Amino acid sequence: MKNPDNLKYSKSHEWVLIEGDTATMGITEFAVSQLGDVTLVELPEPGEEVKAGDAMGTIESVKAVSDLYSPVTGKVIAINTDLEDDPEKVNDDPYVEGWMAKIELTSDNFDNLMDSSQYDEYLDSLD
């Protein structure tokens, strides 16, 4: 599996696309493979503050319920409401159609994030 080079990744398997002062985030293909079929995504409401590393929602699948962690610090400005009726978009296309939230950044500290090659090495270390 090839992780997109234009994204940053967290150890909890979220991805983030940083464009100016806005970050779009979701979960990685690896996370999707571990979860199985996603049946429900619960996201924070727009306007909520989130902090890098803190839980910001949940993902339910046929296998488990897992916390969703924010990869960045900021304020949620949009959520992917399509996931309410169509959560399998996360399985089908985690990096485009399956995005979860857009966050207005209030911190530019991204020390906790990895680029795609670092994330690939991290995944290899899990074996």
C-alpha atoms as a PDB file:
ATOM      1  CA  MET A   1       0.000   0.000   0.000  1.00  0.00           C
ATOM      2  CA  LYS A   2       1.386   3.389  -1.005  1.00  0.00           C
ATOM      3  CA  ASN A   3       0.651   6.288   1.306  1.00  0.00           C
ATOM      4  CA  PRO A   4       0.252   9.642  -0.481  1.00  0.00           C
ATOM      5  CA  ASP A   5       3.421  11.777  -0.332  1.00  0.00           C
ATOM      6  CA  ASN A   6       1.555  15.072   0.133  1.00  0.00           C
ATOM      7  CA  LEU A   7       0.130  14.071   3.523  1.00  0.00           C
ATOM      8  CA  LYS A   8       1.448  13.892   7.082  1.00  0.00           C
ATOM      9  CA  TYR A   9       0.679  10.926   9.349  1.00  0.00           C
ATOM     10  CA  SER A  10       0.220  10.243  13.060  1.00  0.00           C
ATOM     11  CA  LYS A  11       1.184   7.135  15.013  1.00  0.00           C
ATOM     12  CA  SER A  12      -2.534   6.606  15.678  1.00  0.00           C
ATOM     13  CA  HIS A  13      -3.012   6.251  11.887  1.00  0.00           C
ATOM     14  CA  GLU A  14      -4.683   9.526  11.004  1.00  0.00           C
ATOM     15  CA  TRP A  15      -3.578  11.476   7.939  1.00  0.00           C
ATOM     16  CA  VAL A  16      -3.589  15.246   7.517  1.00  0.00           C
ATOM     17  CA  LEU A  17      -3.307  17.547   4.507  1.00  0.00           C
ATOM     18  CA  ILE A  18      -2.072  20.973   5.569  1.00  0.00           C
ATOM     19  CA  GLU A  19      -2.961  23.831   3.227  1.00  0.00           C
ATOM     20  CA  GLY A  20      -2.176  27.261   4.663  1.00  0.00           C
ATOM     21  CA  ASP A  21      -3.955  27.519   8.010  1.00  0.00           C
ATOM     22  CA  THR A  22      -6.389  24.661   7.275  1.00  0.00           C
ATOM     23  CA  ALA A  23      -5.847  20.942   7.818  1.00  0.00           C
ATOM     24  CA  THR A  24      -8.046  18.240   6.309  1.00  0.00           C
ATOM     25  CA  MET A  25      -7.859  14.923   8.142  1.00  0.00           C
ATOM     26  CA  GLY A  26      -9.024  11.331   7.993  1.00  0.00           C
ATOM     27  CA  ILE A  27      -7.737   7.839   8.745  1.00  0.00           C
ATOM     28  CA  THR A  28      -5.130   5.944   6.764  1.00  0.00           C
ATOM     29  CA  GLU A  29      -5.598   2.935   4.539  1.00  0.00           C
ATOM     30  CA  PHE A  30      -3.719   0.917   7.173  1.00  0.00           C
ATOM     31  CA  ALA A  31      -6.276   1.947   9.820  1.00  0.00           C
ATOM     32  CA  VAL A  32      -9.110   1.000   7.477  1.00  0.00           C
ATOM     33  CA  SER A  33      -7.535  -2.424   6.897  1.00  0.00           C
ATOM     34  CA  GLN A  34      -7.331  -2.979  10.664  1.00  0.00           C
ATOM     35  CA  LEU A  35     -10.888  -1.832  11.333  1.00  0.00           C
ATOM     36  CA  GLY A  36     -12.706  -3.684   8.584  1.00  0.00           C
ATOM     37  CA  ASP A  37     -16.008  -2.343   7.269  1.00  0.00           C
ATOM     38  CA  VAL A  38     -16.755   1.050   8.824  1.00  0.00           C
ATOM     39  CA  THR A  39     -20.380   1.286   9.959  1.00  0.00           C
ATOM     40  CA  LEU A  40     -20.477   4.621  11.832  1.00  0.00           C
ATOM     41  CA  VAL A  41     -18.310   7.726  12.146  1.00  0.00           C
ATOM     42  CA  GLU A  42     -18.948  10.169  14.998  1.00  0.00           C
ATOM     43  CA  LEU A  43     -17.211  13.511  14.504  1.00  0.00           C
ATOM     44  CA  PRO A  44     -16.971  16.697  16.551  1.00  0.00           C
ATOM     45  CA  GLU A  45     -19.290  19.597  15.775  1.00  0.00           C
ATOM     46  CA  PRO A  46     -17.936  22.547  13.787  1.00  0.00           C
ATOM     47  CA  GLY A  47     -16.692  25.164  16.238  1.00  0.00           C
ATOM     48  CA  GLU A  48     -15.229  22.612  18.664  1.00  0.00           C
ATOM     49  CA  GLU A  49     -11.592  23.021  19.671  1.00  0.00           C
ATOM     50  CA  VAL A  50      -9.350  19.975  19.197  1.00  0.00           C
ATOM     51  CA  LYS A  51      -5.837  19.306  20.430  1.00  0.00           C
ATOM     52  CA  ALA A  52      -3.207  17.185  18.702  1.00  0.00           C
ATOM     53  CA  GLY A  53      -3.244  13.688  20.172  1.00  0.00           C
ATOM     54  CA  ASP A  54      -6.617  14.039  21.925  1.00  0.00           C
ATOM     55  CA  ALA A  55      -9.704  11.996  21.044  1.00  0.00           C
ATOM     56  CA  MET A  56     -12.111  13.927  18.818  1.00  0.00           C
ATOM     57  CA  GLY A  57     -14.643  11.263  17.843  1.00  0.00           C
ATOM     58  CA  THR A  58     -15.156   7.566  17.257  1.00  0.00           C
ATOM     59  CA  ILE A  59     -15.208   5.110  14.389  1.00  0.00           C
ATOM     60  CA  GLU A  60     -17.293   1.971  14.578  1.00  0.00           C
ATOM     61  CA  SER A  61     -16.696  -1.035  12.393  1.00  0.00           C
ATOM     62  CA  VAL A  62     -17.854  -4.620  12.259  1.00  0.00           C
ATOM     63  CA  LYS A  63     -14.792  -5.458  14.401  1.00  0.00           C
ATOM     64  CA  ALA A  64     -14.558  -2.692  17.006  1.00  0.00           C
ATOM     65  CA  VAL A  65     -15.224   0.842  18.190  1.00  0.00           C
ATOM     66  CA  SER A  66     -12.083   3.003  18.035  1.00  0.00           C
ATOM     67  CA  ASP A  67     -11.275   6.542  19.078  1.00  0.00           C
ATOM     68  CA  LEU A  68     -10.435   9.054  16.379  1.00  0.00           C
ATOM     69  CA  TYR A  69      -7.544  11.317  17.399  1.00  0.00           C
ATOM     70  CA  SER A  70      -6.845  14.802  16.144  1.00  0.00           C
ATOM     71  CA  PRO A  71      -3.472  15.000  14.398  1.00  0.00           C
ATOM     72  CA  VAL A  72      -3.355  18.799  14.846  1.00  0.00           C
ATOM     73  CA  THR A  73      -4.479  21.553  17.223  1.00  0.00           C
ATOM     74  CA  GLY A  74      -7.196  23.970  16.147  1.00  0.00           C
ATOM     75  CA  LYS A  75     -10.900  24.559  15.640  1.00  0.00           C
ATOM     76  CA  VAL A  76     -13.130  22.257  13.592  1.00  0.00           C
ATOM     77  CA  ILE A  77     -14.543  24.316  10.734  1.00  0.00           C
ATOM     78  CA  ALA A  78     -16.219  21.542   8.708  1.00  0.00           C
ATOM     79  CA  ILE A  79     -17.022  17.850   8.886  1.00  0.00           C
ATOM     80  CA  ASN A  80     -17.780  15.391   6.102  1.00  0.00           C
ATOM     81  CA  THR A  81     -21.528  15.046   6.613  1.00  0.00           C
ATOM     82  CA  ASP A  82     -21.653  12.488   3.754  1.00  0.00           C
ATOM     83  CA  LEU A  83     -20.203   9.969   6.219  1.00  0.00           C
ATOM     84  CA  GLU A  84     -23.386  10.100   8.327  1.00  0.00           C
ATOM     85  CA  ASP A  85     -25.355   8.248   5.635  1.00  0.00           C
ATOM     86  CA  ASP A  86     -22.446   6.651   3.789  1.00  0.00           C
ATOM     87  CA  PRO A  87     -19.679   5.693   6.294  1.00  0.00           C
ATOM     88  CA  GLU A  88     -18.283   3.097   3.875  1.00  0.00           C
ATOM     89  CA  LYS A  89     -16.721   5.988   1.923  1.00  0.00           C
ATOM     90  CA  VAL A  90     -13.944   5.667   4.520  1.00  0.00           C
ATOM     91  CA  ASN A  91     -13.338   2.093   3.310  1.00  0.00           C
ATOM     92  CA  ASP A  92     -13.710   2.899  -0.373  1.00  0.00           C
ATOM     93  CA  ASP A  93     -11.530   6.023  -0.534  1.00  0.00           C
ATOM     94  CA  PRO A  94      -9.962   7.010   2.823  1.00  0.00           C
ATOM     95  CA  TYR A  95      -7.786   9.768   1.319  1.00  0.00           C
ATOM     96  CA  VAL A  96     -10.379  11.656  -0.758  1.00  0.00           C
ATOM     97  CA  GLU A  97     -14.086  10.830  -0.322  1.00  0.00           C
ATOM     98  CA  GLY A  98     -13.498   9.517   3.214  1.00  0.00           C
ATOM     99  CA  TRP A  99     -12.015  12.712   4.698  1.00  0.00           C
ATOM    100  CA  MET A 100     -13.466  13.434   8.112  1.00  0.00           C
ATOM    101  CA  ALA A 101     -12.851  16.992   9.302  1.00  0.00           C
ATOM    102  CA  LYS A 102     -11.331  20.309   8.329  1.00  0.00           C
ATOM    103  CA  ILE A 103      -9.528  22.088  11.134  1.00  0.00           C
ATOM    104  CA  GLU A 104      -8.436  25.723  11.294  1.00  0.00           C
ATOM    105  CA  LEU A 105      -4.943  25.496  12.750  1.00  0.00           C
ATOM    106  CA  THR A 106      -4.104  27.368  15.952  1.00  0.00           C
ATOM    107  CA  SER A 107      -0.663  25.769  16.280  1.00  0.00           C
ATOM    108  CA  ASP A 108       2.018  25.103  13.697  1.00  0.00           C
ATOM    109  CA  ASN A 109       3.761  22.492  15.834  1.00  0.00           C
ATOM    110  CA  PHE A 110       3.714  19.320  13.747  1.00  0.00           C
ATOM    111  CA  ASP A 111       6.533  17.459  15.541  1.00  0.00           C
ATOM    112  CA  ASN A 112       4.152  14.570  16.216  1.00  0.00           C
ATOM    113  CA  LEU A 113       3.552  13.968  12.488  1.00  0.00           C
ATOM    114  CA  MET A 114       5.525  11.868  10.009  1.00  0.00           C
ATOM    115  CA  ASP A 115       5.985  12.198   6.260  1.00  0.00           C
ATOM    116  CA  SER A 116       5.025   9.224   4.073  1.00  0.00           C
ATOM    117  CA  SER A 117       8.454   7.530   4.189  1.00  0.00           C
ATOM    118  CA  GLN A 118       8.631   7.872   7.989  1.00  0.00           C
ATOM    119  CA  TYR A 119       5.096   6.489   8.268  1.00  0.00           C
ATOM    120  CA  ASP A 120       6.017   3.546   6.011  1.00  0.00           C
ATOM    121  CA  GLU A 121       8.999   2.805   8.300  1.00  0.00           C
ATOM    122  CA  TYR A 122       6.706   3.067  11.328  1.00  0.00           C
ATOM    123  CA  LEU A 123       4.266   0.580   9.782  1.00  0.00           C
ATOM    124  CA  ASP A 124       7.158  -1.806   9.031  1.00  0.00           C
ATOM    125  CA  SER A 125       8.218  -1.624  12.681  1.00  0.00           C
ATOM    126  CA  LEU A 126       4.760  -2.844  13.771  1.00  0.00           C
ATOM    127  CA  ASP A 127       5.235  -6.250  12.139  1.00  0.00           C
END
